[in-house]
Amino acid sequence: MAHNPWAKRDAWRYEGQFTRYNRFKNTLPGLGIGTAAFLSYWAYEHFILKKGHDEHGHH
């Protein structure tokens, strides 16, 4: 592999706040909380609020 004479000057691009993890960790803020809330509500609705389809509209 060829020697890159600019390697030292480009090193900052891959360190500290510019690491791949730090660049992408905040791309979808709230996705984890939103997913957890959706799954919690889905589980509540599915397991707690069990109603048959034939119960709708009958009094």
PDB file of N, CA and C in Angstrom:
ATOM      1  N   MET A   1       0.850  -1.174   0.000  1.00  0.00           N
ATOM      2  CA  MET A   1       0.000   0.000   0.000  1.00  0.00           C
ATOM      3  C   MET A   1       0.899   1.241   0.000  1.00  0.00           C
ATOM      4  N   ALA A   2       0.486   2.224  -0.748  1.00  0.00           N
ATOM      5  CA  ALA A   2       1.290   3.442  -0.888  1.00  0.00           C
ATOM      6  C   ALA A   2       1.209   4.281   0.378  1.00  0.00           C
ATOM      7  N   HIS A   3       2.277   4.983   0.653  1.00  0.00           N
ATOM      8  CA  HIS A   3       2.331   5.867   1.819  1.00  0.00           C
ATOM      9  C   HIS A   3       1.541   7.135   1.527  1.00  0.00           C
ATOM     10  N   ASN A   4       0.684   7.505   2.451  1.00  0.00           N
ATOM     11  CA  ASN A   4      -0.118   8.712   2.304  1.00  0.00           C
ATOM     12  C   ASN A   4       0.583   9.853   3.030  1.00  0.00           C
ATOM     13  N   PRO A   5       1.101  10.837   2.310  1.00  0.00           N
ATOM     14  CA  PRO A   5       1.802  11.946   2.967  1.00  0.00           C
ATOM     15  C   PRO A   5       0.874  12.829   3.798  1.00  0.00           C
ATOM     16  N   TRP A   6      -0.422  12.756   3.599  1.00  0.00           N
ATOM     17  CA  TRP A   6      -1.376  13.585   4.319  1.00  0.00           C
ATOM     18  C   TRP A   6      -2.044  12.844   5.472  1.00  0.00           C
ATOM     19  N   ALA A   7      -1.576  11.667   5.812  1.00  0.00           N
ATOM     20  CA  ALA A   7      -2.218  10.845   6.843  1.00  0.00           C
ATOM     21  C   ALA A   7      -2.310  11.561   8.188  1.00  0.00           C
ATOM     22  N   LYS A   8      -1.244  12.231   8.599  1.00  0.00           N
ATOM     23  CA  LYS A   8      -1.274  12.937   9.884  1.00  0.00           C
ATOM     24  C   LYS A   8      -2.273  14.088   9.864  1.00  0.00           C
ATOM     25  N   ARG A   9      -2.370  14.780   8.753  1.00  0.00           N
ATOM     26  CA  ARG A   9      -3.301  15.912   8.665  1.00  0.00           C
ATOM     27  C   ARG A   9      -4.756  15.451   8.566  1.00  0.00           C
ATOM     28  N   ASP A  10      -4.990  14.252   8.066  1.00  0.00           N
ATOM     29  CA  ASP A  10      -6.344  13.728   7.947  1.00  0.00           C
ATOM     30  C   ASP A  10      -6.790  12.920   9.162  1.00  0.00           C
ATOM     31  N   ALA A  11      -5.918  12.717  10.121  1.00  0.00           N
ATOM     32  CA  ALA A  11      -6.240  11.862  11.260  1.00  0.00           C
ATOM     33  C   ALA A  11      -7.423  12.398  12.068  1.00  0.00           C
ATOM     34  N   TRP A  12      -7.602  13.708  12.141  1.00  0.00           N
ATOM     35  CA  TRP A  12      -8.692  14.286  12.920  1.00  0.00           C
ATOM     36  C   TRP A  12     -10.057  13.859  12.400  1.00  0.00           C
ATOM     37  N   ARG A  13     -10.148  13.488  11.133  1.00  0.00           N
ATOM     38  CA  ARG A  13     -11.429  13.098  10.552  1.00  0.00           C
ATOM     39  C   ARG A  13     -11.976  11.798  11.130  1.00  0.00           C
ATOM     40  N   TYR A  14     -11.116  11.022  11.759  1.00  0.00           N
ATOM     41  CA  TYR A  14     -11.506   9.694  12.251  1.00  0.00           C
ATOM     42  C   TYR A  14     -11.317   9.546  13.751  1.00  0.00           C
ATOM     43  N   GLU A  15     -11.176  10.652  14.463  1.00  0.00           N
ATOM     44  CA  GLU A  15     -10.951  10.614  15.911  1.00  0.00           C
ATOM     45  C   GLU A  15     -11.991  11.465  16.631  1.00  0.00           C
ATOM     46  N   GLY A  16     -12.165  11.202  17.907  1.00  0.00           N
ATOM     47  CA  GLY A  16     -13.016  12.027  18.766  1.00  0.00           C
ATOM     48  C   GLY A  16     -14.447  12.099  18.311  1.00  0.00           C
ATOM     49  N   GLN A  17     -14.953  13.320  18.147  1.00  0.00           N
ATOM     50  CA  GLN A  17     -16.348  13.503  17.772  1.00  0.00           C
ATOM     51  C   GLN A  17     -16.629  13.126  16.329  1.00  0.00           C
ATOM     52  N   PHE A  18     -15.613  12.859  15.545  1.00  0.00           N
ATOM     53  CA  PHE A  18     -15.806  12.525  14.142  1.00  0.00           C
ATOM     54  C   PHE A  18     -15.694  11.033  13.851  1.00  0.00           C
ATOM     55  N   THR A  19     -15.667  10.195  14.898  1.00  0.00           N
ATOM     56  CA  THR A  19     -15.643   8.755  14.657  1.00  0.00           C
ATOM     57  C   THR A  19     -16.971   8.335  14.045  1.00  0.00           C
ATOM     58  N   ARG A  20     -16.982   7.205  13.382  1.00  0.00           N
ATOM     59  CA  ARG A  20     -18.196   6.735  12.722  1.00  0.00           C
ATOM     60  C   ARG A  20     -19.342   6.593  13.729  1.00  0.00           C
ATOM     61  N   TYR A  21     -19.048   6.064  14.904  1.00  0.00           N
ATOM     62  CA  TYR A  21     -20.085   5.907  15.933  1.00  0.00           C
ATOM     63  C   TYR A  21     -20.675   7.261  16.322  1.00  0.00           C
ATOM     64  N   ASN A  22     -19.823   8.241  16.590  1.00  0.00           N
ATOM     65  CA  ASN A  22     -20.316   9.546  17.025  1.00  0.00           C
ATOM     66  C   ASN A  22     -21.063  10.289  15.918  1.00  0.00           C
ATOM     67  N   ARG A  23     -20.711  10.051  14.657  1.00  0.00           N
ATOM     68  CA  ARG A  23     -21.414  10.725  13.572  1.00  0.00           C
ATOM     69  C   ARG A  23     -22.826  10.193  13.390  1.00  0.00           C
ATOM     70  N   PHE A  24     -23.052   8.912  13.651  1.00  0.00           N
ATOM     71  CA  PHE A  24     -24.341   8.307  13.347  1.00  0.00           C
ATOM     72  C   PHE A  24     -25.204   7.987  14.561  1.00  0.00           C
ATOM     73  N   LYS A  25     -24.711   8.213  15.766  1.00  0.00           N
ATOM     74  CA  LYS A  25     -25.494   7.813  16.938  1.00  0.00           C
ATOM     75  C   LYS A  25     -26.746   8.665  17.137  1.00  0.00           C
ATOM     76  N   ASN A  26     -26.787   9.864  16.641  1.00  0.00           N
ATOM     77  CA  ASN A  26     -27.954  10.729  16.816  1.00  0.00           C
ATOM     78  C   ASN A  26     -28.716  10.971  15.513  1.00  0.00           C
ATOM     79  N   THR A  27     -28.597  10.067  14.549  1.00  0.00           N
ATOM     80  CA  THR A  27     -29.289  10.285  13.284  1.00  0.00           C
ATOM     81  C   THR A  27     -30.798  10.073  13.410  1.00  0.00           C
ATOM     82  N   LEU A  28     -31.232   9.187  14.290  1.00  0.00           N
ATOM     83  CA  LEU A  28     -32.663   8.932  14.475  1.00  0.00           C
ATOM     84  C   LEU A  28     -33.028   9.103  15.949  1.00  0.00           C
ATOM     85  N   PRO A  29     -33.088  10.350  16.421  1.00  0.00           N
ATOM     86  CA  PRO A  29     -33.390  10.556  17.837  1.00  0.00           C
ATOM     87  C   PRO A  29     -34.818  10.132  18.158  1.00  0.00           C
ATOM     88  N   GLY A  30     -34.986   9.451  19.268  1.00  0.00           N
ATOM     89  CA  GLY A  30     -36.298   9.038  19.702  1.00  0.00           C
ATOM     90  C   GLY A  30     -36.778   7.725  19.117  1.00  0.00           C
ATOM     91  N   LEU A  31     -35.995   7.111  18.238  1.00  0.00           N
ATOM     92  CA  LEU A  31     -36.439   5.856  17.633  1.00  0.00           C
ATOM     93  C   LEU A  31     -36.579   4.760  18.681  1.00  0.00           C
ATOM     94  N   GLY A  32     -35.651   4.664  19.608  1.00  0.00           N
ATOM     95  CA  GLY A  32     -35.727   3.633  20.648  1.00  0.00           C
ATOM     96  C   GLY A  32     -36.915   3.828  21.564  1.00  0.00           C
ATOM     97  N   ILE A  33     -37.144   5.055  21.992  1.00  0.00           N
ATOM     98  CA  ILE A  33     -38.272   5.348  22.881  1.00  0.00           C
ATOM     99  C   ILE A  33     -39.589   5.143  22.140  1.00  0.00           C
ATOM    100  N   GLY A  34     -39.652   5.573  20.895  1.00  0.00           N
ATOM    101  CA  GLY A  34     -40.866   5.393  20.105  1.00  0.00           C
ATOM    102  C   GLY A  34     -41.183   3.933  19.860  1.00  0.00           C
ATOM    103  N   THR A  35     -40.169   3.146  19.568  1.00  0.00           N
ATOM    104  CA  THR A  35     -40.363   1.714  19.352  1.00  0.00           C
ATOM    105  C   THR A  35     -40.839   1.041  20.631  1.00  0.00           C
ATOM    106  N   ALA A  36     -40.236   1.388  21.759  1.00  0.00           N
ATOM    107  CA  ALA A  36     -40.649   0.806  23.038  1.00  0.00           C
ATOM    108  C   ALA A  36     -42.086   1.197  23.375  1.00  0.00           C
ATOM    109  N   ALA A  37     -42.462   2.440  23.131  1.00  0.00           N
ATOM    110  CA  ALA A  37     -43.830   2.880  23.411  1.00  0.00           C
ATOM    111  C   ALA A  37     -44.829   2.152  22.506  1.00  0.00           C
ATOM    112  N   PHE A  38     -44.489   2.019  21.233  1.00  0.00           N
ATOM    113  CA  PHE A  38     -45.376   1.316  20.308  1.00  0.00           C
ATOM    114  C   PHE A  38     -45.552  -0.139  20.720  1.00  0.00           C
ATOM    115  N   LEU A  39     -44.464  -0.814  21.036  1.00  0.00           N
ATOM    116  CA  LEU A  39     -44.559  -2.219  21.428  1.00  0.00           C
ATOM    117  C   LEU A  39     -45.315  -2.397  22.738  1.00  0.00           C
ATOM    118  N   SER A  40     -45.146  -1.468  23.664  1.00  0.00           N
ATOM    119  CA  SER A  40     -45.894  -1.528  24.926  1.00  0.00           C
ATOM    120  C   SER A  40     -47.387  -1.382  24.678  1.00  0.00           C
ATOM    121  N   TYR A  41     -47.763  -0.413  23.860  1.00  0.00           N
ATOM    122  CA  TYR A  41     -49.177  -0.220  23.574  1.00  0.00           C
ATOM    123  C   TYR A  41     -49.743  -1.400  22.802  1.00  0.00           C
ATOM    124  N   TRP A  42     -48.971  -1.909  21.838  1.00  0.00           N
ATOM    125  CA  TRP A  42     -49.428  -3.066  21.068  1.00  0.00           C
ATOM    126  C   TRP A  42     -49.666  -4.265  21.989  1.00  0.00           C
ATOM    127  N   ALA A  43     -48.743  -4.525  22.907  1.00  0.00           N
ATOM    128  CA  ALA A  43     -48.895  -5.646  23.835  1.00  0.00           C
ATOM    129  C   ALA A  43     -50.108  -5.434  24.736  1.00  0.00           C
ATOM    130  N   TYR A  44     -50.308  -4.214  25.225  1.00  0.00           N
ATOM    131  CA  TYR A  44     -51.477  -3.887  26.055  1.00  0.00           C
ATOM    132  C   TYR A  44     -52.764  -4.139  25.281  1.00  0.00           C
ATOM    133  N   GLU A  45     -52.821  -3.634  24.063  1.00  0.00           N
ATOM    134  CA  GLU A  45     -54.016  -3.789  23.259  1.00  0.00           C
ATOM    135  C   GLU A  45     -54.259  -5.258  22.891  1.00  0.00           C
ATOM    136  N   HIS A  46     -53.216  -5.975  22.608  1.00  0.00           N
ATOM    137  CA  HIS A  46     -53.350  -7.361  22.174  1.00  0.00           C
ATOM    138  C   HIS A  46     -53.705  -8.307  23.321  1.00  0.00           C
ATOM    139  N   PHE A  47     -53.085  -8.132  24.457  1.00  0.00           N
ATOM    140  CA  PHE A  47     -53.264  -9.079  25.558  1.00  0.00           C
ATOM    141  C   PHE A  47     -54.292  -8.623  26.600  1.00  0.00           C
ATOM    142  N   ILE A  48     -54.409  -7.343  26.846  1.00  0.00           N
ATOM    143  CA  ILE A  48     -55.288  -6.839  27.895  1.00  0.00           C
ATOM    144  C   ILE A  48     -56.684  -6.528  27.346  1.00  0.00           C
ATOM    145  N   LEU A  49     -56.738  -5.896  26.214  1.00  0.00           N
ATOM    146  CA  LEU A  49     -58.024  -5.482  25.646  1.00  0.00           C
ATOM    147  C   LEU A  49     -58.542  -6.506  24.643  1.00  0.00           C
ATOM    148  N   LYS A  50     -58.527  -7.769  25.010  1.00  0.00           N
ATOM    149  CA  LYS A  50     -58.991  -8.807  24.085  1.00  0.00           C
ATOM    150  C   LYS A  50     -60.500  -8.690  23.909  1.00  0.00           C
ATOM    151  N   LYS A  51     -60.897  -8.483  22.689  1.00  0.00           N
ATOM    152  CA  LYS A  51     -62.307  -8.467  22.332  1.00  0.00           C
ATOM    153  C   LYS A  51     -62.439  -9.265  21.047  1.00  0.00           C
ATOM    154  N   GLY A  52     -63.511  -9.984  20.949  1.00  0.00           N
ATOM    155  CA  GLY A  52     -63.772 -10.715  19.721  1.00  0.00           C
ATOM    156  C   GLY A  52     -64.254  -9.772  18.636  1.00  0.00           C
ATOM    157  N   HIS A  53     -64.047 -10.122  17.401  1.00  0.00           N
ATOM    158  CA  HIS A  53     -64.489  -9.273  16.301  1.00  0.00           C
ATOM    159  C   HIS A  53     -66.008  -9.223  16.206  1.00  0.00           C
ATOM    160  N   ASP A  54     -66.694 -10.264  16.680  1.00  0.00           N
ATOM    161  CA  ASP A  54     -68.143 -10.275  16.585  1.00  0.00           C
ATOM    162  C   ASP A  54     -68.821  -9.478  17.692  1.00  0.00           C
ATOM    163  N   GLU A  55     -68.084  -8.905  18.623  1.00  0.00           N
ATOM    164  CA  GLU A  55     -68.676  -8.110  19.694  1.00  0.00           C
ATOM    165  C   GLU A  55     -68.926  -6.660  19.275  1.00  0.00           C
ATOM    166  N   HIS A  56     -68.332  -6.236  18.189  1.00  0.00           N
ATOM    167  CA  HIS A  56     -68.470  -4.840  17.766  1.00  0.00           C
ATOM    168  C   HIS A  56     -69.872  -4.602  17.215  1.00  0.00           C
ATOM    169  N   GLY A  57     -70.526  -3.573  17.688  1.00  0.00           N
ATOM    170  CA  GLY A  57     -71.820  -3.177  17.169  1.00  0.00           C
ATOM    171  C   GLY A  57     -73.002  -3.879  17.805  1.00  0.00           C
ATOM    172  N   HIS A  58     -72.810  -4.866  18.641  1.00  0.00           N
ATOM    173  CA  HIS A  58     -73.911  -5.559  19.295  1.00  0.00           C
ATOM    174  C   HIS A  58     -74.058  -5.059  20.718  1.00  0.00           C
ATOM    175  N   HIS A  59     -75.276  -4.705  21.103  1.00  0.00           N
ATOM    176  CA  HIS A  59     -75.502  -4.183  22.460  1.00  0.00           C
ATOM    177  C   HIS A  59     -76.232  -5.185  23.291  1.00  0.00           C
TER     178      HIS A  59
END
